[in-house]
Amino acid sequence: MVRLLKKKPLSIPSFEKLSDNLYPNLGWEERFELLKLQGLPLLLRKGKIYLKTAFTPFAKGEYCIVDIEVTHSKPSEGQIIEIGAVVIRNGEMAEEFSSLIYAPSVPEYITKITGIDGKMLEGERSQRRVLEEFRHFLGEKVFASHPASFDYQFLAQQFAREGLGELLNRPLCTLKLANRTITAPRYGLRYLKEELHLPEEPIHRALGDARTTARVFLESWKHLPPYIESVEELIEFANGGEK
């Protein structure tokens, strides 16, 4: 469906046919709203369904730059203990989201990396409660992270685990984008921050890393090829043609 929507809008009958296997017990209006609630940026106009990112100029798009800290690298064996996000709107850093998340225990090696221990998380909200709030913050914005392959997939599995539906926001990998637009010896956040002389932020803390990622993302904009016009073209370029 997304592949088709990137090329042209869909008629309602075409949308109904394509979405029938996803939610067979729902009408097309309910399917449309459910997909939007799960982050797919759809627009209904004059009887046709559009993918917003396909026609929105990339500089006018809304991006949610996300970073998470977790108890284990495998989503099936761990959970999120901190989430931070920065919205980019009209090419500028705007509102932020930041929250610790309760976990019954934090491995010692995670504490050494992040500085987050079990005591810090006492009294914090559950993963479900925080992710419910974050879903509203994220909305239909493009989900960007460094790298998207980790943060996006981990969050997607935690949304499913908590019964919060799927994560359908359009994903963008800032690591791949930086690699294609910025000349640097290494592309980890710490190295890019030094190479680009970006403001200091706490390393391996979610909001600090999200802020650094947002600045790297905006720096990448300065070196985009001239044919990049829409949000969707930026996503495809950043992801190397994926998704």
Protein backbone atom coordinates (compact mmCIF):
# COMPACT_ATOMS: atom_id res chain seq x y z
CA MET A 1 0.00 0.00 0.00
CA VAL A 2 2.74 2.45 0.93
CA ARG A 3 4.67 1.67 -2.26
CA LEU A 4 1.59 2.55 -4.31
CA LEU A 5 0.77 5.64 -2.26
CA LYS A 6 4.26 7.00 -2.79
CA LYS A 7 3.50 7.13 -6.52
CA LYS A 8 -0.10 8.34 -6.55
CA PRO A 9 -3.21 8.60 -4.38
CA LEU A 10 -5.55 5.64 -4.07
CA SER A 11 -9.24 5.57 -4.76
CA ILE A 12 -11.40 4.41 -1.86
CA PRO A 13 -12.20 1.05 -3.57
CA SER A 14 -8.46 0.46 -4.14
CA PHE A 15 -7.68 1.34 -0.53
CA GLU A 16 -10.48 -0.94 0.67
CA LYS A 17 -9.15 -3.84 -1.39
CA LEU A 18 -5.54 -3.35 -0.27
CA SER A 19 -6.45 -3.04 3.42
CA ASP A 20 -8.96 -5.88 3.49
CA ASN A 21 -6.41 -8.47 4.60
CA LEU A 22 -5.19 -6.18 7.40
CA TYR A 23 -8.49 -5.52 9.15
CA PRO A 24 -11.16 -7.65 7.45
CA ASN A 25 -13.80 -6.98 10.10
CA LEU A 26 -13.64 -3.19 9.77
CA GLY A 27 -15.09 -0.81 7.21
CA TRP A 28 -12.71 1.27 5.12
CA GLU A 29 -13.33 4.40 7.24
CA GLU A 30 -12.37 2.52 10.41
CA ARG A 31 -9.30 1.06 8.71
CA PHE A 32 -8.27 4.51 7.55
CA GLU A 33 -8.56 5.98 11.06
CA LEU A 34 -6.80 3.00 12.67
CA LEU A 35 -3.84 3.29 10.31
CA LYS A 36 -3.61 7.01 11.07
CA LEU A 37 -3.74 6.35 14.82
CA GLN A 38 -0.81 3.97 14.42
CA GLY A 39 1.25 6.67 12.73
CA LEU A 40 0.72 6.22 8.99
CA PRO A 41 0.40 9.77 7.59
CA LEU A 42 -2.73 9.43 5.46
CA LEU A 43 -4.98 12.17 4.13
CA LEU A 44 -8.46 11.84 2.61
CA ARG A 45 -9.28 14.49 0.04
CA LYS A 46 -12.05 14.51 -2.59
CA GLY A 47 -12.57 10.75 -2.45
CA LYS A 48 -8.90 9.84 -2.70
CA ILE A 49 -6.36 8.77 -0.09
CA TYR A 50 -2.92 10.37 -0.09
CA LEU A 51 0.35 9.69 1.70
CA LYS A 52 1.23 13.09 3.20
CA THR A 53 4.98 12.52 3.05
CA ALA A 54 4.78 12.00 -0.72
CA PHE A 55 3.81 15.63 -1.42
CA THR A 56 4.98 17.59 1.64
CA PRO A 57 8.24 19.55 1.01
CA PHE A 58 10.93 18.02 3.20
CA ALA A 59 11.72 21.36 4.85
CA LYS A 60 8.05 21.67 5.87
CA GLY A 61 7.79 18.15 7.27
CA GLU A 62 7.45 17.13 10.90
CA TYR A 63 10.10 14.78 12.25
CA CYS A 64 10.33 13.15 15.65
CA ILE A 65 13.95 12.41 16.54
CA VAL A 66 13.93 9.52 19.00
CA ASP A 67 16.45 7.85 21.29
CA ILE A 68 15.90 5.12 23.87
CA GLU A 69 17.89 3.44 26.63
CA VAL A 70 17.04 -0.19 27.32
CA THR A 71 17.84 -3.04 29.71
CA HIS A 72 18.78 -5.47 26.91
CA SER A 73 19.53 -5.11 23.21
CA LYS A 74 16.95 -7.78 22.33
CA PRO A 75 13.36 -6.47 22.60
CA SER A 76 12.13 -9.91 23.67
CA GLU A 77 14.47 -9.90 26.67
CA GLY A 78 14.49 -6.25 27.68
CA GLN A 79 12.44 -3.11 28.05
CA ILE A 80 12.84 0.63 27.68
CA ILE A 81 14.09 2.53 30.73
CA GLU A 82 14.36 5.99 29.18
CA ILE A 83 12.94 7.64 26.09
CA GLY A 84 13.81 11.05 24.70
CA ALA A 85 12.57 12.81 21.59
CA VAL A 86 12.87 16.14 19.81
CA VAL A 87 10.45 17.43 17.20
CA ILE A 88 11.82 19.17 14.14
CA ARG A 89 9.25 21.46 12.54
CA ASN A 90 9.95 23.85 9.67
CA GLY A 91 13.65 23.06 9.93
CA GLU A 92 13.95 23.95 13.61
CA MET A 93 14.11 22.02 16.88
CA ALA A 94 10.79 22.47 18.69
CA GLU A 95 9.14 20.63 21.59
CA GLU A 96 10.75 17.75 23.48
CA PHE A 97 9.65 14.56 25.22
CA SER A 98 11.62 12.91 28.01
CA SER A 99 10.76 10.24 30.54
CA LEU A 100 12.36 7.55 32.66
CA ILE A 101 10.44 4.26 32.83
CA TYR A 102 10.12 1.90 35.75
CA ALA A 103 11.96 -1.42 35.49
CA PRO A 104 12.22 -4.07 38.24
CA SER A 105 15.98 -4.28 37.70
CA VAL A 106 18.74 -2.72 35.61
CA PRO A 107 21.80 -4.78 34.62
CA GLU A 108 25.07 -3.43 36.02
CA TYR A 109 26.62 -2.98 32.58
CA ILE A 110 23.66 -0.82 31.52
CA THR A 111 24.16 1.35 34.59
CA LYS A 112 27.83 1.75 33.70
CA ILE A 113 26.92 2.91 30.19
CA THR A 114 23.95 5.15 30.99
CA GLY A 115 24.28 6.03 34.66
CA ILE A 116 20.69 4.82 35.15
CA ASP A 117 20.18 2.40 38.05
CA GLY A 118 17.20 0.74 39.68
CA LYS A 119 16.93 3.37 42.40
CA MET A 120 16.51 6.13 39.80
CA LEU A 121 13.55 4.27 38.34
CA GLU A 122 11.67 3.70 41.60
CA GLY A 123 8.31 5.41 41.41
CA GLU A 124 8.53 6.04 37.66
CA ARG A 125 5.60 5.14 35.40
CA SER A 126 5.28 1.80 33.66
CA GLN A 127 6.43 1.26 30.10
CA ARG A 128 2.82 1.05 28.93
CA ARG A 129 1.85 4.37 30.52
CA VAL A 130 4.85 6.20 29.07
CA LEU A 131 4.42 4.68 25.62
CA GLU A 132 0.75 5.67 25.59
CA GLU A 133 1.82 9.29 26.17
CA PHE A 134 4.66 9.03 23.67
CA ARG A 135 2.32 7.72 20.98
CA HIS A 136 0.31 10.96 21.22
CA PHE A 137 3.52 13.00 21.08
CA LEU A 138 4.75 11.07 18.04
CA GLY A 139 1.47 11.28 16.15
CA GLU A 140 2.02 10.89 12.40
CA LYS A 141 5.48 12.45 12.38
CA VAL A 142 8.40 10.82 10.60
CA PHE A 143 10.27 8.64 13.10
CA ALA A 144 14.00 9.40 12.86
CA SER A 145 16.77 7.79 14.91
CA HIS A 146 20.46 6.91 14.89
CA PRO A 147 20.20 4.14 13.75
CA ALA A 148 16.54 3.53 12.92
CA SER A 149 17.13 -0.20 12.69
CA PHE A 150 17.47 -0.37 16.48
CA ASP A 151 15.21 2.29 18.02
CA TYR A 152 12.32 1.83 15.59
CA GLN A 153 12.25 -1.96 15.80
CA PHE A 154 12.67 -2.01 19.59
CA LEU A 155 9.83 0.47 20.07
CA ALA A 156 7.64 -1.36 17.56
CA GLN A 157 7.97 -4.58 19.54
CA GLN A 158 7.31 -2.83 22.85
CA PHE A 159 4.17 -1.18 21.43
CA ALA A 160 2.96 -4.64 20.41
CA ARG A 161 3.92 -6.15 23.77
CA GLU A 162 1.96 -3.48 25.62
CA GLY A 163 -1.12 -3.91 23.42
CA LEU A 164 -0.71 -0.46 21.84
CA GLY A 165 -0.97 -1.55 18.21
CA GLU A 166 1.62 -1.28 15.49
CA LEU A 167 4.21 1.42 14.84
CA LEU A 168 3.49 2.60 11.30
CA ASN A 169 5.24 5.97 11.23
CA ARG A 170 7.55 6.42 8.28
CA PRO A 171 11.08 5.56 9.51
CA LEU A 172 14.21 7.53 8.66
CA CYS A 173 17.76 6.50 9.56
CA THR A 174 19.92 9.49 10.49
CA LEU A 175 23.03 7.28 10.62
CA LYS A 176 22.64 6.34 6.96
CA LEU A 177 21.73 9.91 6.07
CA ALA A 178 24.85 11.28 7.77
CA ASN A 179 26.96 8.69 5.97
CA ARG A 180 25.60 9.93 2.63
CA THR A 181 25.85 13.66 3.32
CA ILE A 182 28.63 14.36 5.84
CA THR A 183 32.32 13.59 5.48
CA ALA A 184 33.59 12.17 8.77
CA PRO A 185 35.96 9.39 9.91
CA ARG A 186 33.19 7.79 12.00
CA TYR A 187 29.44 8.17 12.19
CA GLY A 188 28.59 7.37 15.80
CA LEU A 189 26.90 10.25 17.62
CA ARG A 190 29.88 10.98 19.84
CA TYR A 191 32.23 11.26 16.86
CA LEU A 192 29.81 13.35 14.80
CA LYS A 193 29.27 15.70 17.72
CA GLU A 194 33.02 16.29 17.90
CA GLU A 195 33.49 16.48 14.12
CA LEU A 196 30.67 19.01 13.70
CA HIS A 197 31.45 20.94 16.90
CA LEU A 198 27.95 20.45 18.23
CA PRO A 199 26.84 21.50 21.74
CA GLU A 200 27.70 19.14 24.57
CA GLU A 201 24.92 16.82 25.73
CA PRO A 202 24.89 13.88 28.16
CA ILE A 203 26.09 10.77 26.29
CA HIS A 204 23.93 7.63 26.47
CA ARG A 205 21.02 9.55 27.96
CA ALA A 206 17.95 9.55 25.76
CA LEU A 207 17.14 13.25 25.50
CA GLY A 208 20.78 14.30 25.14
CA ASP A 209 21.33 11.81 22.33
CA ALA A 210 18.05 12.83 20.68
CA ARG A 211 19.16 16.47 20.68
CA THR A 212 22.52 15.55 19.15
CA THR A 213 20.80 13.39 16.54
CA ALA A 214 18.46 16.28 15.68
CA ARG A 215 21.44 18.59 15.11
CA VAL A 216 23.18 15.99 12.95
CA PHE A 217 19.97 15.56 10.97
CA LEU A 218 19.69 19.28 10.30
CA GLU A 219 23.37 19.44 9.33
CA SER A 220 22.70 16.69 6.78
CA TRP A 221 20.04 18.88 5.17
CA LYS A 222 22.75 21.32 4.10
CA HIS A 223 24.36 18.67 1.89
CA LEU A 224 21.35 17.02 0.25
CA PRO A 225 21.33 16.57 -3.53
CA PRO A 226 19.11 19.15 -5.26
CA TYR A 227 16.59 16.59 -6.51
CA ILE A 228 15.35 15.88 -2.97
CA GLU A 229 12.08 17.77 -2.67
CA SER A 230 9.49 15.84 -0.65
CA VAL A 231 9.62 14.24 2.79
CA GLU A 232 9.25 10.84 1.15
CA GLU A 233 12.19 11.49 -1.17
CA LEU A 234 14.28 12.42 1.86
CA ILE A 235 13.23 9.21 3.63
CA GLU A 236 14.14 7.08 0.62
CA PHE A 237 17.47 8.85 0.19
CA ALA A 238 18.30 8.53 3.89
CA ASN A 239 17.39 4.86 4.02
CA GLY A 240 19.28 4.01 0.85
CA GLY A 241 16.13 3.09 -1.03
CA GLU A 242 14.70 0.92 1.77
CA LYS A 243 11.03 0.88 2.87
